[in-house]
Amino acid sequence: MNTEDKVGKNKWLNRNIFAMGLTSFFSDFGHEMATAILPAFLVSVGGSVAPLGAIEGIADASISGMKLLSGWYRIMSERENRLL
């Protein structure tokens, strides 16, 4: 197998794709670390964790509601799916 065959197989995995993946990994890692220590930080400065729980609950409920509405809209619109 020559070098052209090896390069041709992994042509999609170039430097930009690797950098974007690495950036996404570190972004997610940083977000999850901040989310994990936020309740302990709020308690240490004298705050309550209850407002944080309420905010998270409202966020999850709104996301679920939007998923429900977008699914209903997709079914009712009877258009072909242009993404697939």
C-alpha atoms as a PDB file:
ATOM      1  CA  MET A   1       0.000   0.000   0.000  1.00  0.00           C
ATOM      2  CA  ASN A   2       1.500   3.321  -0.983  1.00  0.00           C
ATOM      3  CA  THR A   3       1.140   6.676   0.763  1.00  0.00           C
ATOM      4  CA  GLU A   4      -1.563   7.965  -1.572  1.00  0.00           C
ATOM      5  CA  ASP A   5      -3.866   5.115  -0.535  1.00  0.00           C
ATOM      6  CA  LYS A   6      -3.337   5.871   3.174  1.00  0.00           C
ATOM      7  CA  VAL A   7      -3.965   9.589   2.727  1.00  0.00           C
ATOM      8  CA  GLY A   8      -7.042   8.975   0.581  1.00  0.00           C
ATOM      9  CA  LYS A   9      -8.722   6.828   3.246  1.00  0.00           C
ATOM     10  CA  ASN A  10      -8.375   9.413   6.039  1.00  0.00           C
ATOM     11  CA  LYS A  11      -8.918  12.504   3.918  1.00  0.00           C
ATOM     12  CA  TRP A  12     -11.915  13.597   6.020  1.00  0.00           C
ATOM     13  CA  LEU A  13      -9.846  13.586   9.233  1.00  0.00           C
ATOM     14  CA  ASN A  14      -7.770  16.656   8.588  1.00  0.00           C
ATOM     15  CA  ARG A  15      -6.234  19.195  10.943  1.00  0.00           C
ATOM     16  CA  ASN A  16      -9.360  21.395  11.074  1.00  0.00           C
ATOM     17  CA  ILE A  17     -11.717  18.553  11.972  1.00  0.00           C
ATOM     18  CA  PHE A  18      -9.338  17.367  14.689  1.00  0.00           C
ATOM     19  CA  ALA A  19      -9.030  20.903  16.109  1.00  0.00           C
ATOM     20  CA  MET A  20     -12.809  21.375  16.137  1.00  0.00           C
ATOM     21  CA  GLY A  21     -13.260  18.064  17.941  1.00  0.00           C
ATOM     22  CA  LEU A  22     -10.632  18.967  20.519  1.00  0.00           C
ATOM     23  CA  THR A  23     -12.229  22.392  21.042  1.00  0.00           C
ATOM     24  CA  SER A  24     -15.645  20.807  21.508  1.00  0.00           C
ATOM     25  CA  PHE A  25     -14.223  18.313  24.020  1.00  0.00           C
ATOM     26  CA  PHE A  26     -12.588  20.990  26.168  1.00  0.00           C
ATOM     27  CA  SER A  27     -15.669  23.215  25.964  1.00  0.00           C
ATOM     28  CA  ASP A  28     -17.926  20.390  27.161  1.00  0.00           C
ATOM     29  CA  PHE A  29     -15.411  19.400  29.844  1.00  0.00           C
ATOM     30  CA  GLY A  30     -15.236  22.966  31.183  1.00  0.00           C
ATOM     31  CA  HIS A  31     -19.014  23.334  31.162  1.00  0.00           C
ATOM     32  CA  GLU A  32     -19.548  20.072  33.011  1.00  0.00           C
ATOM     33  CA  MET A  33     -16.905  20.950  35.608  1.00  0.00           C
ATOM     34  CA  ALA A  34     -18.522  24.333  36.271  1.00  0.00           C
ATOM     35  CA  THR A  35     -21.971  22.748  36.486  1.00  0.00           C
ATOM     36  CA  ALA A  36     -20.724  20.116  38.932  1.00  0.00           C
ATOM     37  CA  ILE A  37     -19.211  22.582  41.422  1.00  0.00           C
ATOM     38  CA  LEU A  38     -21.856  25.324  41.164  1.00  0.00           C
ATOM     39  CA  PRO A  39     -24.133  23.987  43.970  1.00  0.00           C
ATOM     40  CA  ALA A  40     -21.190  23.659  46.370  1.00  0.00           C
ATOM     41  CA  PHE A  41     -20.050  27.174  45.492  1.00  0.00           C
ATOM     42  CA  LEU A  42     -23.513  28.629  46.087  1.00  0.00           C
ATOM     43  CA  VAL A  43     -23.733  26.969  49.510  1.00  0.00           C
ATOM     44  CA  SER A  44     -20.227  28.183  50.451  1.00  0.00           C
ATOM     45  CA  VAL A  45     -21.147  31.824  49.764  1.00  0.00           C
ATOM     46  CA  GLY A  46     -24.365  31.509  51.789  1.00  0.00           C
ATOM     47  CA  GLY A  47     -26.801  30.958  48.959  1.00  0.00           C
ATOM     48  CA  SER A  48     -29.395  28.276  48.505  1.00  0.00           C
ATOM     49  CA  VAL A  49     -29.321  25.502  45.967  1.00  0.00           C
ATOM     50  CA  ALA A  50     -33.112  25.649  45.504  1.00  0.00           C
ATOM     51  CA  PRO A  51     -33.070  28.487  42.924  1.00  0.00           C
ATOM     52  CA  LEU A  52     -30.502  26.579  40.890  1.00  0.00           C
ATOM     53  CA  GLY A  53     -32.752  23.513  40.938  1.00  0.00           C
ATOM     54  CA  ALA A  54     -35.712  25.616  39.847  1.00  0.00           C
ATOM     55  CA  ILE A  55     -33.741  27.122  36.970  1.00  0.00           C
ATOM     56  CA  GLU A  56     -32.571  23.667  35.841  1.00  0.00           C
ATOM     57  CA  GLY A  57     -36.115  22.325  36.070  1.00  0.00           C
ATOM     58  CA  ILE A  58     -37.537  25.191  34.016  1.00  0.00           C
ATOM     59  CA  ALA A  59     -34.785  24.727  31.419  1.00  0.00           C
ATOM     60  CA  ASP A  60     -35.453  20.985  31.117  1.00  0.00           C
ATOM     61  CA  ALA A  61     -39.216  21.560  30.886  1.00  0.00           C
ATOM     62  CA  SER A  62     -38.834  24.177  28.157  1.00  0.00           C
ATOM     63  CA  ILE A  63     -36.508  21.923  26.149  1.00  0.00           C
ATOM     64  CA  SER A  64     -38.966  19.030  26.407  1.00  0.00           C
ATOM     65  CA  GLY A  65     -41.833  21.303  25.408  1.00  0.00           C
ATOM     66  CA  MET A  66     -39.983  22.546  22.346  1.00  0.00           C
ATOM     67  CA  LYS A  67     -39.201  18.965  21.318  1.00  0.00           C
ATOM     68  CA  LEU A  68     -42.865  18.090  21.659  1.00  0.00           C
ATOM     69  CA  LEU A  69     -44.029  21.107  19.662  1.00  0.00           C
ATOM     70  CA  SER A  70     -41.437  20.653  16.917  1.00  0.00           C
ATOM     71  CA  GLY A  71     -42.362  16.970  16.564  1.00  0.00           C
ATOM     72  CA  TRP A  72     -46.038  17.845  16.333  1.00  0.00           C
ATOM     73  CA  TYR A  73     -45.301  20.560  13.769  1.00  0.00           C
ATOM     74  CA  ARG A  74     -43.237  18.140  11.676  1.00  0.00           C
ATOM     75  CA  ILE A  75     -46.019  15.555  11.646  1.00  0.00           C
ATOM     76  CA  MET A  76     -48.715  18.123  10.839  1.00  0.00           C
ATOM     77  CA  SER A  77     -46.755  19.882   8.123  1.00  0.00           C
ATOM     78  CA  GLU A  78     -46.479  16.724   5.955  1.00  0.00           C
ATOM     79  CA  ARG A  79     -43.407  18.065   4.213  1.00  0.00           C
ATOM     80  CA  GLU A  80     -40.499  15.875   3.313  1.00  0.00           C
ATOM     81  CA  ASN A  81     -37.537  15.972   5.653  1.00  0.00           C
ATOM     82  CA  ARG A  82     -34.877  18.071   3.947  1.00  0.00           C
ATOM     83  CA  LEU A  83     -32.153  17.217   6.451  1.00  0.00           C
ATOM     84  CA  LEU A  84     -31.916  13.521   5.609  1.00  0.00           C
END
